[in-house]
PDB file of N, CA and C in Angstrom:
ATOM      1  N   MET A   1      49.843   5.740   6.591  1.00  0.00           N
ATOM      2  CA  MET A   1      48.806   4.847   7.117  1.00  0.00           C
ATOM      3  C   MET A   1      49.220   4.365   8.539  1.00  0.00           C
ATOM      4  N   ASN A   2      48.256   4.311   9.412  1.00  0.00           N
ATOM      5  CA  ASN A   2      48.541   3.936  10.768  1.00  0.00           C
ATOM      6  C   ASN A   2      47.974   2.556  11.036  1.00  0.00           C
ATOM      7  N   ASP A   3      48.805   1.602  11.445  1.00  0.00           N
ATOM      8  CA  ASP A   3      48.321   0.245  11.720  1.00  0.00           C
ATOM      9  C   ASP A   3      47.889   0.080  13.174  1.00  0.00           C
ATOM     10  N   PHE A   4      48.031   1.089  13.975  1.00  0.00           N
ATOM     11  CA  PHE A   4      47.676   0.985  15.402  1.00  0.00           C
ATOM     12  C   PHE A   4      46.142   1.047  15.532  1.00  0.00           C
ATOM     13  N   GLN A   5      45.584   0.007  16.208  1.00  0.00           N
ATOM     14  CA  GLN A   5      44.160  -0.031  16.490  1.00  0.00           C
ATOM     15  C   GLN A   5      43.996  -0.253  17.992  1.00  0.00           C
ATOM     16  N   MET A   6      43.193   0.584  18.599  1.00  0.00           N
ATOM     17  CA  MET A   6      42.905   0.370  20.023  1.00  0.00           C
ATOM     18  C   MET A   6      41.780  -0.649  20.151  1.00  0.00           C
ATOM     19  N   THR A   7      41.893  -1.441  21.226  1.00  0.00           N
ATOM     20  CA  THR A   7      40.783  -2.348  21.519  1.00  0.00           C
ATOM     21  C   THR A   7      39.685  -1.506  22.161  1.00  0.00           C
ATOM     22  N   PRO A   8      38.471  -2.076  22.162  1.00  0.00           N
ATOM     23  CA  PRO A   8      37.387  -1.318  22.851  1.00  0.00           C
ATOM     24  C   PRO A   8      37.641  -0.980  24.283  1.00  0.00           C
ATOM     25  N   GLU A   9      38.343  -1.863  25.007  1.00  0.00           N
ATOM     26  CA  GLU A   9      38.668  -1.565  26.382  1.00  0.00           C
ATOM     27  C   GLU A   9      39.644  -0.410  26.483  1.00  0.00           C
ATOM     28  N   GLU A  10      40.641  -0.382  25.569  1.00  0.00           N
ATOM     29  CA  GLU A  10      41.631   0.728  25.599  1.00  0.00           C
ATOM     30  C   GLU A  10      40.905   2.015  25.209  1.00  0.00           C
ATOM     31  N   ARG A  11      40.063   1.955  24.242  1.00  0.00           N
ATOM     32  CA  ARG A  11      39.326   3.164  23.810  1.00  0.00           C
ATOM     33  C   ARG A  11      38.444   3.758  24.990  1.00  0.00           C
ATOM     34  N   LYS A  12      37.807   2.816  25.665  1.00  0.00           N
ATOM     35  CA  LYS A  12      36.976   3.195  26.838  1.00  0.00           C
ATOM     36  C   LYS A  12      37.809   3.841  27.928  1.00  0.00           C
ATOM     37  N   ALA A  13      38.957   3.244  28.213  1.00  0.00           N
ATOM     38  CA  ALA A  13      39.808   3.784  29.199  1.00  0.00           C
ATOM     39  C   ALA A  13      40.405   5.147  28.824  1.00  0.00           C
ATOM     40  N   THR A  14      40.732   5.264  27.536  1.00  0.00           N
ATOM     41  CA  THR A  14      41.262   6.550  27.030  1.00  0.00           C
ATOM     42  C   THR A  14      40.199   7.635  27.152  1.00  0.00           C
ATOM     43  N   TRP A  15      39.013   7.402  26.763  1.00  0.00           N
ATOM     44  CA  TRP A  15      37.923   8.364  26.865  1.00  0.00           C
ATOM     45  C   TRP A  15      37.634   8.690  28.370  1.00  0.00           C
ATOM     46  N   GLY A  16      37.609   7.673  29.161  1.00  0.00           N
ATOM     47  CA  GLY A  16      37.324   7.915  30.592  1.00  0.00           C
ATOM     48  C   GLY A  16      38.439   8.764  31.241  1.00  0.00           C
ATOM     49  N   LEU A  17      39.697   8.424  30.981  1.00  0.00           N
ATOM     50  CA  LEU A  17      40.776   9.209  31.532  1.00  0.00           C
ATOM     51  C   LEU A  17      40.781  10.633  31.018  1.00  0.00           C
ATOM     52  N   GLY A  18      40.513  10.782  29.738  1.00  0.00           N
ATOM     53  CA  GLY A  18      40.423  12.101  29.117  1.00  0.00           C
ATOM     54  C   GLY A  18      39.336  12.986  29.734  1.00  0.00           C
ATOM     55  N   THR A  19      38.207  12.345  29.991  1.00  0.00           N
ATOM     56  CA  THR A  19      37.103  13.057  30.625  1.00  0.00           C
ATOM     57  C   THR A  19      37.431  13.502  32.049  1.00  0.00           C
ATOM     58  N   VAL A  20      38.071  12.611  32.782  1.00  0.00           N
ATOM     59  CA  VAL A  20      38.435  12.928  34.194  1.00  0.00           C
ATOM     60  C   VAL A  20      39.461  14.107  34.213  1.00  0.00           C
ATOM     61  N   PHE A  21      40.461  14.041  33.366  1.00  0.00           N
ATOM     62  CA  PHE A  21      41.463  15.136  33.326  1.00  0.00           C
ATOM     63  C   PHE A  21      40.772  16.430  32.833  1.00  0.00           C
ATOM     64  N   SER A  22      39.853  16.349  31.874  1.00  0.00           N
ATOM     65  CA  SER A  22      39.161  17.546  31.433  1.00  0.00           C
ATOM     66  C   SER A  22      38.352  18.178  32.559  1.00  0.00           C
ATOM     67  N   LEU A  23      37.665  17.325  33.307  1.00  0.00           N
ATOM     68  CA  LEU A  23      36.905  17.880  34.477  1.00  0.00           C
ATOM     69  C   LEU A  23      37.769  18.581  35.467  1.00  0.00           C
ATOM     70  N   ARG A  24      38.941  18.016  35.694  1.00  0.00           N
ATOM     71  CA  ARG A  24      39.890  18.622  36.632  1.00  0.00           C
ATOM     72  C   ARG A  24      40.327  19.961  36.117  1.00  0.00           C
ATOM     73  N   MET A  25      40.706  20.006  34.847  1.00  0.00           N
ATOM     74  CA  MET A  25      41.148  21.306  34.262  1.00  0.00           C
ATOM     75  C   MET A  25      40.051  22.328  34.294  1.00  0.00           C
ATOM     76  N   LEU A  26      38.857  21.903  34.016  1.00  0.00           N
ATOM     77  CA  LEU A  26      37.690  22.818  34.050  1.00  0.00           C
ATOM     78  C   LEU A  26      37.495  23.324  35.489  1.00  0.00           C
ATOM     79  N   GLY A  27      37.571  22.461  36.459  1.00  0.00           N
ATOM     80  CA  GLY A  27      37.408  22.812  37.861  1.00  0.00           C
ATOM     81  C   GLY A  27      38.464  23.719  38.386  1.00  0.00           C
ATOM     82  N   MET A  28      39.678  23.566  37.951  1.00  0.00           N
ATOM     83  CA  MET A  28      40.802  24.327  38.510  1.00  0.00           C
ATOM     84  C   MET A  28      41.101  25.605  37.733  1.00  0.00           C
ATOM     85  N   PHE A  29      41.175  25.525  36.451  1.00  0.00           N
ATOM     86  CA  PHE A  29      41.730  26.629  35.685  1.00  0.00           C
ATOM     87  C   PHE A  29      40.744  27.438  34.842  1.00  0.00           C
ATOM     88  N   MET A  30      39.831  26.785  34.192  1.00  0.00           N
ATOM     89  CA  MET A  30      38.980  27.509  33.278  1.00  0.00           C
ATOM     90  C   MET A  30      37.953  28.405  33.979  1.00  0.00           C
ATOM     91  N   VAL A  31      37.653  28.124  35.215  1.00  0.00           N
ATOM     92  CA  VAL A  31      36.688  28.883  35.938  1.00  0.00           C
ATOM     93  C   VAL A  31      37.318  30.131  36.631  1.00  0.00           C
ATOM     94  N   LEU A  32      38.625  30.179  36.778  1.00  0.00           N
ATOM     95  CA  LEU A  32      39.282  31.235  37.512  1.00  0.00           C
ATOM     96  C   LEU A  32      39.059  32.639  36.901  1.00  0.00           C
ATOM     97  N   PRO A  33      39.203  32.871  35.612  1.00  0.00           N
ATOM     98  CA  PRO A  33      39.015  34.220  35.106  1.00  0.00           C
ATOM     99  C   PRO A  33      37.549  34.722  35.271  1.00  0.00           C
ATOM    100  N   VAL A  34      36.617  33.860  35.300  1.00  0.00           N
ATOM    101  CA  VAL A  34      35.219  34.261  35.369  1.00  0.00           C
ATOM    102  C   VAL A  34      34.802  34.361  36.849  1.00  0.00           C
ATOM    103  N   LEU A  35      35.384  33.563  37.732  1.00  0.00           N
ATOM    104  CA  LEU A  35      34.966  33.524  39.098  1.00  0.00           C
ATOM    105  C   LEU A  35      35.067  34.882  39.780  1.00  0.00           C
ATOM    106  N   THR A  36      36.135  35.629  39.546  1.00  0.00           N
ATOM    107  CA  THR A  36      36.288  36.892  40.201  1.00  0.00           C
ATOM    108  C   THR A  36      35.226  37.918  39.800  1.00  0.00           C
ATOM    109  N   THR A  37      34.875  37.933  38.524  1.00  0.00           N
ATOM    110  CA  THR A  37      33.788  38.845  38.054  1.00  0.00           C
ATOM    111  C   THR A  37      32.458  38.366  38.503  1.00  0.00           C
ATOM    112  N   TYR A  38      32.179  37.100  38.279  1.00  0.00           N
ATOM    113  CA  TYR A  38      30.874  36.531  38.694  1.00  0.00           C
ATOM    114  C   TYR A  38      30.653  36.587  40.217  1.00  0.00           C
ATOM    115  N   GLY A  39      31.752  36.308  40.937  1.00  0.00           N
ATOM    116  CA  GLY A  39      31.661  36.267  42.381  1.00  0.00           C
ATOM    117  C   GLY A  39      31.158  37.541  43.065  1.00  0.00           C
ATOM    118  N   MET A  40      31.489  38.689  42.467  1.00  0.00           N
ATOM    119  CA  MET A  40      31.015  39.906  43.064  1.00  0.00           C
ATOM    120  C   MET A  40      29.527  40.127  42.970  1.00  0.00           C
ATOM    121  N   SER A  41      28.858  39.381  42.103  1.00  0.00           N
ATOM    122  CA  SER A  41      27.399  39.496  42.046  1.00  0.00           C
ATOM    123  C   SER A  41      26.686  38.564  43.023  1.00  0.00           C
ATOM    124  N   LEU A  42      27.423  37.761  43.742  1.00  0.00           N
ATOM    125  CA  LEU A  42      26.807  36.834  44.686  1.00  0.00           C
ATOM    126  C   LEU A  42      26.525  37.470  46.060  1.00  0.00           C
ATOM    127  N   ALA A  43      25.573  36.984  46.756  1.00  0.00           N
ATOM    128  CA  ALA A  43      25.230  37.504  48.077  1.00  0.00           C
ATOM    129  C   ALA A  43      26.367  37.286  49.058  1.00  0.00           C
ATOM    130  N   GLY A  44      26.699  38.417  49.749  1.00  0.00           N
ATOM    131  CA  GLY A  44      27.733  38.318  50.772  1.00  0.00           C
ATOM    132  C   GLY A  44      29.127  38.348  50.221  1.00  0.00           C
ATOM    133  N   ALA A  45      29.326  38.606  48.925  1.00  0.00           N
ATOM    134  CA  ALA A  45      30.663  38.545  48.337  1.00  0.00           C
ATOM    135  C   ALA A  45      31.513  39.706  48.721  1.00  0.00           C
ATOM    136  N   SER A  46      32.813  39.411  48.928  1.00  0.00           N
ATOM    137  CA  SER A  46      33.845  40.458  49.038  1.00  0.00           C
ATOM    138  C   SER A  46      35.079  39.914  48.339  1.00  0.00           C
ATOM    139  N   GLU A  47      36.038  40.796  48.163  1.00  0.00           N
ATOM    140  CA  GLU A  47      37.241  40.337  47.452  1.00  0.00           C
ATOM    141  C   GLU A  47      37.961  39.230  48.235  1.00  0.00           C
ATOM    142  N   THR A  48      37.946  39.329  49.554  1.00  0.00           N
ATOM    143  CA  THR A  48      38.529  38.336  50.389  1.00  0.00           C
ATOM    144  C   THR A  48      37.884  36.974  50.238  1.00  0.00           C
ATOM    145  N   LEU A  49      36.528  36.951  50.288  1.00  0.00           N
ATOM    146  CA  LEU A  49      35.792  35.689  50.131  1.00  0.00           C
ATOM    147  C   LEU A  49      35.947  35.116  48.754  1.00  0.00           C
ATOM    148  N   ILE A  50      36.031  35.938  47.724  1.00  0.00           N
ATOM    149  CA  ILE A  50      36.316  35.399  46.411  1.00  0.00           C
ATOM    150  C   ILE A  50      37.673  34.781  46.341  1.00  0.00           C
ATOM    151  N   GLY A  51      38.627  35.367  46.928  1.00  0.00           N
ATOM    152  CA  GLY A  51      39.977  34.768  47.054  1.00  0.00           C
ATOM    153  C   GLY A  51      39.943  33.448  47.771  1.00  0.00           C
ATOM    154  N   ILE A  52      39.148  33.386  48.836  1.00  0.00           N
ATOM    155  CA  ILE A  52      39.028  32.142  49.561  1.00  0.00           C
ATOM    156  C   ILE A  52      38.347  31.045  48.670  1.00  0.00           C
ATOM    157  N   ALA A  53      37.338  31.463  47.908  1.00  0.00           N
ATOM    158  CA  ALA A  53      36.648  30.530  47.014  1.00  0.00           C
ATOM    159  C   ALA A  53      37.675  29.965  45.932  1.00  0.00           C
ATOM    160  N   ILE A  54      38.555  30.812  45.516  1.00  0.00           N
ATOM    161  CA  ILE A  54      39.543  30.316  44.542  1.00  0.00           C
ATOM    162  C   ILE A  54      40.582  29.422  45.206  1.00  0.00           C
ATOM    163  N   GLY A  55      41.072  29.831  46.377  1.00  0.00           N
ATOM    164  CA  GLY A  55      42.148  29.056  47.010  1.00  0.00           C
ATOM    165  C   GLY A  55      41.738  27.827  47.793  1.00  0.00           C
ATOM    166  N   ILE A  56      40.437  27.740  48.170  1.00  0.00           N
ATOM    167  CA  ILE A  56      39.973  26.545  48.924  1.00  0.00           C
ATOM    168  C   ILE A  56      40.091  25.249  48.144  1.00  0.00           C
ATOM    169  N   TYR A  57      40.039  25.351  46.828  1.00  0.00           N
ATOM    170  CA  TYR A  57      40.214  24.192  45.971  1.00  0.00           C
ATOM    171  C   TYR A  57      41.590  23.546  46.223  1.00  0.00           C
ATOM    172  N   GLY A  58      42.634  24.326  46.113  1.00  0.00           N
ATOM    173  CA  GLY A  58      43.978  23.840  46.338  1.00  0.00           C
ATOM    174  C   GLY A  58      44.236  23.396  47.770  1.00  0.00           C
ATOM    175  N   LEU A  59      43.627  24.105  48.722  1.00  0.00           N
ATOM    176  CA  LEU A  59      43.815  23.732  50.113  1.00  0.00           C
ATOM    177  C   LEU A  59      43.196  22.395  50.407  1.00  0.00           C
ATOM    178  N   THR A  60      41.962  22.164  49.968  1.00  0.00           N
ATOM    179  CA  THR A  60      41.334  20.862  50.247  1.00  0.00           C
ATOM    180  C   THR A  60      42.020  19.703  49.498  1.00  0.00           C
ATOM    181  N   GLN A  61      42.484  19.979  48.284  1.00  0.00           N
ATOM    182  CA  GLN A  61      43.206  18.898  47.604  1.00  0.00           C
ATOM    183  C   GLN A  61      44.487  18.576  48.314  1.00  0.00           C
ATOM    184  N   ALA A  62      45.155  19.559  48.873  1.00  0.00           N
ATOM    185  CA  ALA A  62      46.402  19.260  49.626  1.00  0.00           C
ATOM    186  C   ALA A  62      46.125  18.547  50.930  1.00  0.00           C
ATOM    187  N   VAL A  63      45.025  18.933  51.621  1.00  0.00           N
ATOM    188  CA  VAL A  63      44.696  18.285  52.894  1.00  0.00           C
ATOM    189  C   VAL A  63      44.269  16.827  52.689  1.00  0.00           C
ATOM    190  N   PHE A  64      43.539  16.567  51.672  1.00  0.00           N
ATOM    191  CA  PHE A  64      42.967  15.220  51.520  1.00  0.00           C
ATOM    192  C   PHE A  64      43.849  14.308  50.611  1.00  0.00           C
ATOM    193  N   GLN A  65      44.888  14.766  50.057  1.00  0.00           N
ATOM    194  CA  GLN A  65      45.712  13.942  49.169  1.00  0.00           C
ATOM    195  C   GLN A  65      46.269  12.719  49.878  1.00  0.00           C
ATOM    196  N   ILE A  66      46.903  12.899  51.019  1.00  0.00           N
ATOM    197  CA  ILE A  66      47.546  11.760  51.711  1.00  0.00           C
ATOM    198  C   ILE A  66      46.487  10.880  52.328  1.00  0.00           C
ATOM    199  N   PRO A  67      45.460  11.349  53.033  1.00  0.00           N
ATOM    200  CA  PRO A  67      44.445  10.430  53.558  1.00  0.00           C
ATOM    201  C   PRO A  67      43.761   9.638  52.505  1.00  0.00           C
ATOM    202  N   PHE A  68      43.426  10.253  51.339  1.00  0.00           N
ATOM    203  CA  PHE A  68      42.778   9.518  50.281  1.00  0.00           C
ATOM    204  C   PHE A  68      43.752   8.514  49.633  1.00  0.00           C
ATOM    205  N   GLY A  69      45.022   8.842  49.609  1.00  0.00           N
ATOM    206  CA  GLY A  69      46.025   7.888  49.076  1.00  0.00           C
ATOM    207  C   GLY A  69      46.081   6.639  49.956  1.00  0.00           C
ATOM    208  N   LEU A  70      46.096   6.883  51.303  1.00  0.00           N
ATOM    209  CA  LEU A  70      46.124   5.748  52.206  1.00  0.00           C
ATOM    210  C   LEU A  70      44.817   4.933  52.115  1.00  0.00           C
ATOM    211  N   PHE A  71      43.731   5.665  52.002  1.00  0.00           N
ATOM    212  CA  PHE A  71      42.424   4.997  51.897  1.00  0.00           C
ATOM    213  C   PHE A  71      42.358   4.158  50.589  1.00  0.00           C
ATOM    214  N   SER A  72      42.945   4.688  49.520  1.00  0.00           N
ATOM    215  CA  SER A  72      42.926   3.944  48.252  1.00  0.00           C
ATOM    216  C   SER A  72      43.733   2.652  48.364  1.00  0.00           C
ATOM    217  N   ASP A  73      44.818   2.684  49.170  1.00  0.00           N
ATOM    218  CA  ASP A  73      45.598   1.486  49.368  1.00  0.00           C
ATOM    219  C   ASP A  73      44.773   0.453  50.140  1.00  0.00           C
ATOM    220  N   ARG A  74      43.844   0.873  50.939  1.00  0.00           N
ATOM    221  CA  ARG A  74      43.013  -0.037  51.705  1.00  0.00           C
ATOM    222  C   ARG A  74      41.832  -0.626  50.924  1.00  0.00           C
ATOM    223  N   ILE A  75      41.131   0.245  50.210  1.00  0.00           N
ATOM    224  CA  ILE A  75      39.888  -0.203  49.522  1.00  0.00           C
ATOM    225  C   ILE A  75      40.078  -0.415  48.029  1.00  0.00           C
ATOM    226  N   GLY A  76      41.180   0.079  47.501  1.00  0.00           N
ATOM    227  CA  GLY A  76      41.387  -0.006  46.047  1.00  0.00           C
ATOM    228  C   GLY A  76      41.182   1.348  45.371  1.00  0.00           C
ATOM    229  N   ARG A  77      41.766   1.462  44.217  1.00  0.00           N
ATOM    230  CA  ARG A  77      41.715   2.787  43.555  1.00  0.00           C
ATOM    231  C   ARG A  77      40.420   3.038  42.856  1.00  0.00           C
ATOM    232  N   LYS A  78      39.843   2.050  42.183  1.00  0.00           N
ATOM    233  CA  LYS A  78      38.607   2.270  41.444  1.00  0.00           C
ATOM    234  C   LYS A  78      37.497   2.841  42.295  1.00  0.00           C
ATOM    235  N   PRO A  79      37.200   2.288  43.474  1.00  0.00           N
ATOM    236  CA  PRO A  79      36.095   2.889  44.249  1.00  0.00           C
ATOM    237  C   PRO A  79      36.398   4.304  44.662  1.00  0.00           C
ATOM    238  N   LEU A  80      37.670   4.619  44.964  1.00  0.00           N
ATOM    239  CA  LEU A  80      37.992   5.953  45.341  1.00  0.00           C
ATOM    240  C   LEU A  80      37.906   6.918  44.155  1.00  0.00           C
ATOM    241  N   ILE A  81      38.266   6.480  42.962  1.00  0.00           N
ATOM    242  CA  ILE A  81      38.171   7.326  41.786  1.00  0.00           C
ATOM    243  C   ILE A  81      36.692   7.614  41.534  1.00  0.00           C
ATOM    244  N   VAL A  82      35.859   6.597  41.586  1.00  0.00           N
ATOM    245  CA  VAL A  82      34.440   6.839  41.411  1.00  0.00           C
ATOM    246  C   VAL A  82      33.859   7.773  42.491  1.00  0.00           C
ATOM    247  N   GLY A  83      34.219   7.522  43.692  1.00  0.00           N
ATOM    248  CA  GLY A  83      33.781   8.379  44.816  1.00  0.00           C
ATOM    249  C   GLY A  83      34.281   9.819  44.636  1.00  0.00           C
ATOM    250  N   GLY A  84      35.542   9.988  44.221  1.00  0.00           N
ATOM    251  CA  GLY A  84      36.096  11.310  44.005  1.00  0.00           C
ATOM    252  C   GLY A  84      35.358  12.044  42.884  1.00  0.00           C
ATOM    253  N   LEU A  85      35.029  11.322  41.817  1.00  0.00           N
ATOM    254  CA  LEU A  85      34.265  11.964  40.736  1.00  0.00           C
ATOM    255  C   LEU A  85      32.871  12.395  41.223  1.00  0.00           C
ATOM    256  N   LEU A  86      32.233  11.572  42.068  1.00  0.00           N
ATOM    257  CA  LEU A  86      30.918  11.960  42.599  1.00  0.00           C
ATOM    258  C   LEU A  86      31.049  13.159  43.506  1.00  0.00           C
ATOM    259  N   ILE A  87      32.075  13.206  44.371  1.00  0.00           N
ATOM    260  CA  ILE A  87      32.299  14.372  45.235  1.00  0.00           C
ATOM    261  C   ILE A  87      32.535  15.605  44.408  1.00  0.00           C
ATOM    262  N   PHE A  88      33.428  15.470  43.340  1.00  0.00           N
ATOM    263  CA  PHE A  88      33.690  16.571  42.415  1.00  0.00           C
ATOM    264  C   PHE A  88      32.404  17.065  41.731  1.00  0.00           C
ATOM    265  N   ALA A  89      31.578  16.144  41.275  1.00  0.00           N
ATOM    266  CA  ALA A  89      30.329  16.553  40.600  1.00  0.00           C
ATOM    267  C   ALA A  89      29.387  17.226  41.533  1.00  0.00           C
ATOM    268  N   LEU A  90      29.311  16.754  42.800  1.00  0.00           N
ATOM    269  CA  LEU A  90      28.432  17.377  43.777  1.00  0.00           C
ATOM    270  C   LEU A  90      28.908  18.799  44.067  1.00  0.00           C
ATOM    271  N   GLY A  91      30.196  18.967  44.211  1.00  0.00           N
ATOM    272  CA  GLY A  91      30.773  20.283  44.455  1.00  0.00           C
ATOM    273  C   GLY A  91      30.535  21.219  43.289  1.00  0.00           C
ATOM    274  N   SER A  92      30.641  20.710  42.080  1.00  0.00           N
ATOM    275  CA  SER A  92      30.356  21.523  40.894  1.00  0.00           C
ATOM    276  C   SER A  92      28.901  21.960  40.810  1.00  0.00           C
ATOM    277  N   ALA A  93      27.985  21.034  41.203  1.00  0.00           N
ATOM    278  CA  ALA A  93      26.582  21.360  41.205  1.00  0.00           C
ATOM    279  C   ALA A  93      26.255  22.433  42.248  1.00  0.00           C
ATOM    280  N   ILE A  94      26.842  22.296  43.426  1.00  0.00           N
ATOM    281  CA  ILE A  94      26.570  23.233  44.455  1.00  0.00           C
ATOM    282  C   ILE A  94      27.127  24.613  44.065  1.00  0.00           C
ATOM    283  N   ALA A  95      28.333  24.683  43.545  1.00  0.00           N
ATOM    284  CA  ALA A  95      28.940  25.992  43.172  1.00  0.00           C
ATOM    285  C   ALA A  95      28.130  26.582  42.043  1.00  0.00           C
ATOM    286  N   ALA A  96      27.608  25.796  41.129  1.00  0.00           N
ATOM    287  CA  ALA A  96      26.900  26.322  39.984  1.00  0.00           C
ATOM    288  C   ALA A  96      25.495  26.838  40.332  1.00  0.00           C
ATOM    289  N   MET A  97      24.862  26.231  41.304  1.00  0.00           N
ATOM    290  CA  MET A  97      23.488  26.577  41.571  1.00  0.00           C
ATOM    291  C   MET A  97      23.255  27.517  42.723  1.00  0.00           C
ATOM    292  N   THR A  98      24.292  27.898  43.413  1.00  0.00           N
ATOM    293  CA  THR A  98      24.166  28.753  44.605  1.00  0.00           C
ATOM    294  C   THR A  98      24.006  30.227  44.199  1.00  0.00           C
ATOM    295  N   ASP A  99      23.465  31.024  45.081  1.00  0.00           N
ATOM    296  CA  ASP A  99      23.431  32.460  44.883  1.00  0.00           C
ATOM    297  C   ASP A  99      24.193  33.187  45.971  1.00  0.00           C
ATOM    298  N   SER A 100      24.997  32.419  46.720  1.00  0.00           N
ATOM    299  CA  SER A 100      25.767  32.927  47.793  1.00  0.00           C
ATOM    300  C   SER A 100      27.238  32.568  47.637  1.00  0.00           C
ATOM    301  N   ILE A 101      28.119  33.462  48.076  1.00  0.00           N
ATOM    302  CA  ILE A 101      29.561  33.189  47.949  1.00  0.00           C
ATOM    303  C   ILE A 101      29.907  32.027  48.830  1.00  0.00           C
ATOM    304  N   TRP A 102      29.183  31.824  49.948  1.00  0.00           N
ATOM    305  CA  TRP A 102      29.469  30.700  50.832  1.00  0.00           C
ATOM    306  C   TRP A 102      29.138  29.343  50.141  1.00  0.00           C
ATOM    307  N   GLY A 103      28.150  29.358  49.322  1.00  0.00           N
ATOM    308  CA  GLY A 103      27.817  28.130  48.531  1.00  0.00           C
ATOM    309  C   GLY A 103      28.949  27.822  47.534  1.00  0.00           C
ATOM    310  N   VAL A 104      29.484  28.883  46.915  1.00  0.00           N
ATOM    311  CA  VAL A 104      30.652  28.678  45.987  1.00  0.00           C
ATOM    312  C   VAL A 104      31.842  28.138  46.736  1.00  0.00           C
ATOM    313  N   ILE A 105      32.107  28.703  47.936  1.00  0.00           N
ATOM    314  CA  ILE A 105      33.225  28.226  48.744  1.00  0.00           C
ATOM    315  C   ILE A 105      32.998  26.752  49.110  1.00  0.00           C
ATOM    316  N   LEU A 106      31.821  26.362  49.545  1.00  0.00           N
ATOM    317  CA  LEU A 106      31.522  24.955  49.827  1.00  0.00           C
ATOM    318  C   LEU A 106      31.722  24.091  48.571  1.00  0.00           C
ATOM    319  N   GLY A 107      31.211  24.532  47.458  1.00  0.00           N
ATOM    320  CA  GLY A 107      31.311  23.727  46.243  1.00  0.00           C
ATOM    321  C   GLY A 107      32.778  23.601  45.804  1.00  0.00           C
ATOM    322  N   ARG A 108      33.521  24.656  45.886  1.00  0.00           N
ATOM    323  CA  ARG A 108      34.934  24.560  45.489  1.00  0.00           C
ATOM    324  C   ARG A 108      35.721  23.695  46.484  1.00  0.00           C
ATOM    325  N   ALA A 109      35.367  23.715  47.750  1.00  0.00           N
ATOM    326  CA  ALA A 109      36.046  22.833  48.722  1.00  0.00           C
ATOM    327  C   ALA A 109      35.749  21.368  48.359  1.00  0.00           C
ATOM    328  N   LEU A 110      34.499  21.043  48.026  1.00  0.00           N
ATOM    329  CA  LEU A 110      34.172  19.691  47.631  1.00  0.00           C
ATOM    330  C   LEU A 110      34.859  19.302  46.334  1.00  0.00           C
ATOM    331  N   GLN A 111      34.978  20.238  45.389  1.00  0.00           N
ATOM    332  CA  GLN A 111      35.670  19.951  44.172  1.00  0.00           C
ATOM    333  C   GLN A 111      37.140  19.554  44.461  1.00  0.00           C
ATOM    334  N   GLY A 112      37.795  20.342  45.286  1.00  0.00           N
ATOM    335  CA  GLY A 112      39.185  20.067  45.651  1.00  0.00           C
ATOM    336  C   GLY A 112      39.368  18.792  46.351  1.00  0.00           C
ATOM    337  N   SER A 113      38.403  18.405  47.252  1.00  0.00           N
ATOM    338  CA  SER A 113      38.530  17.172  47.978  1.00  0.00           C
ATOM    339  C   SER A 113      38.296  15.927  47.056  1.00  0.00           C
ATOM    340  N   GLY A 114      37.584  16.182  45.916  1.00  0.00           N
ATOM    341  CA  GLY A 114      37.381  15.090  44.955  1.00  0.00           C
ATOM    342  C   GLY A 114      38.450  15.006  43.885  1.00  0.00           C
ATOM    343  N   ARG A 115      39.460  15.778  44.026  1.00  0.00           N
ATOM    344  CA  ARG A 115      40.563  15.777  43.034  1.00  0.00           C
ATOM    345  C   ARG A 115      41.243  14.435  42.935  1.00  0.00           C
ATOM    346  N   LEU A 116      41.525  14.010  41.703  1.00  0.00           N
ATOM    347  CA  LEU A 116      41.979  12.619  41.490  1.00  0.00           C
ATOM    348  C   LEU A 116      43.325  12.336  40.799  1.00  0.00           C
ATOM    349  N   PRO A 117      43.969  13.309  40.165  1.00  0.00           N
ATOM    350  CA  PRO A 117      45.156  12.943  39.369  1.00  0.00           C
ATOM    351  C   PRO A 117      46.201  12.057  39.988  1.00  0.00           C
ATOM    352  N   PRO A 118      46.618  12.203  41.267  1.00  0.00           N
ATOM    353  CA  PRO A 118      47.599  11.313  41.768  1.00  0.00           C
ATOM    354  C   PRO A 118      47.181   9.820  41.741  1.00  0.00           C
ATOM    355  N   LEU A 119      45.860   9.606  42.038  1.00  0.00           N
ATOM    356  CA  LEU A 119      45.367   8.244  41.951  1.00  0.00           C
ATOM    357  C   LEU A 119      45.338   7.789  40.513  1.00  0.00           C
ATOM    358  N   LEU A 120      44.905   8.648  39.598  1.00  0.00           N
ATOM    359  CA  LEU A 120      44.837   8.268  38.191  1.00  0.00           C
ATOM    360  C   LEU A 120      46.204   8.004  37.630  1.00  0.00           C
ATOM    361  N   TRP A 121      47.189   8.820  37.939  1.00  0.00           N
ATOM    362  CA  TRP A 121      48.520   8.619  37.403  1.00  0.00           C
ATOM    363  C   TRP A 121      49.096   7.285  37.868  1.00  0.00           C
ATOM    364  N   ARG A 122      48.749   6.885  39.060  1.00  0.00           N
ATOM    365  CA  ARG A 122      49.226   5.607  39.542  1.00  0.00           C
ATOM    366  C   ARG A 122      48.462   4.410  38.887  1.00  0.00           C
ATOM    367  N   TYR A 123      47.172   4.668  38.714  1.00  0.00           N
ATOM    368  CA  TYR A 123      46.273   3.598  38.185  1.00  0.00           C
ATOM    369  C   TYR A 123      46.430   3.501  36.700  1.00  0.00           C
ATOM    370  N   TYR A 124      46.564   4.611  36.010  1.00  0.00           N
ATOM    371  CA  TYR A 124      46.744   4.634  34.562  1.00  0.00           C
ATOM    372  C   TYR A 124      48.064   5.411  34.272  1.00  0.00           C
ATOM    373  N   PRO A 125      49.202   4.807  34.409  1.00  0.00           N
ATOM    374  CA  PRO A 125      50.476   5.453  34.124  1.00  0.00           C
ATOM    375  C   PRO A 125      50.546   5.983  32.690  1.00  0.00           C
ATOM    376  N   ILE A 126      50.934   7.271  32.559  1.00  0.00           N
ATOM    377  CA  ILE A 126      51.075   7.814  31.233  1.00  0.00           C
ATOM    378  C   ILE A 126      52.471   8.279  30.980  1.00  0.00           C
TER     379      ILE A 126
END
């Protein structure tokens, strides 16, 4: 028998954090096996551009990690987490609805720039 009971606030935070991490994993890893096959059916696609679409996620997260960290120190972490989730969602929508490889590249770049785990790890230490 388990005597541990989470408060409603802890339960809400746990579900929120789990959702954010799940979105990140979906954006980074689960789409990779399908993207190469799907990408060749897009207008203007080539192997090089598909590689760019895959790699741009990591590039934009690396480029924006330090500026967003400094910005979060200035305005607080919660607004930046919410903003990052909105940017990530916008990038996901663009990548999902486009019929061009350039739209996928733009969407993946936005997804990478909305990447949040360093902020979350600091805000919700695990």
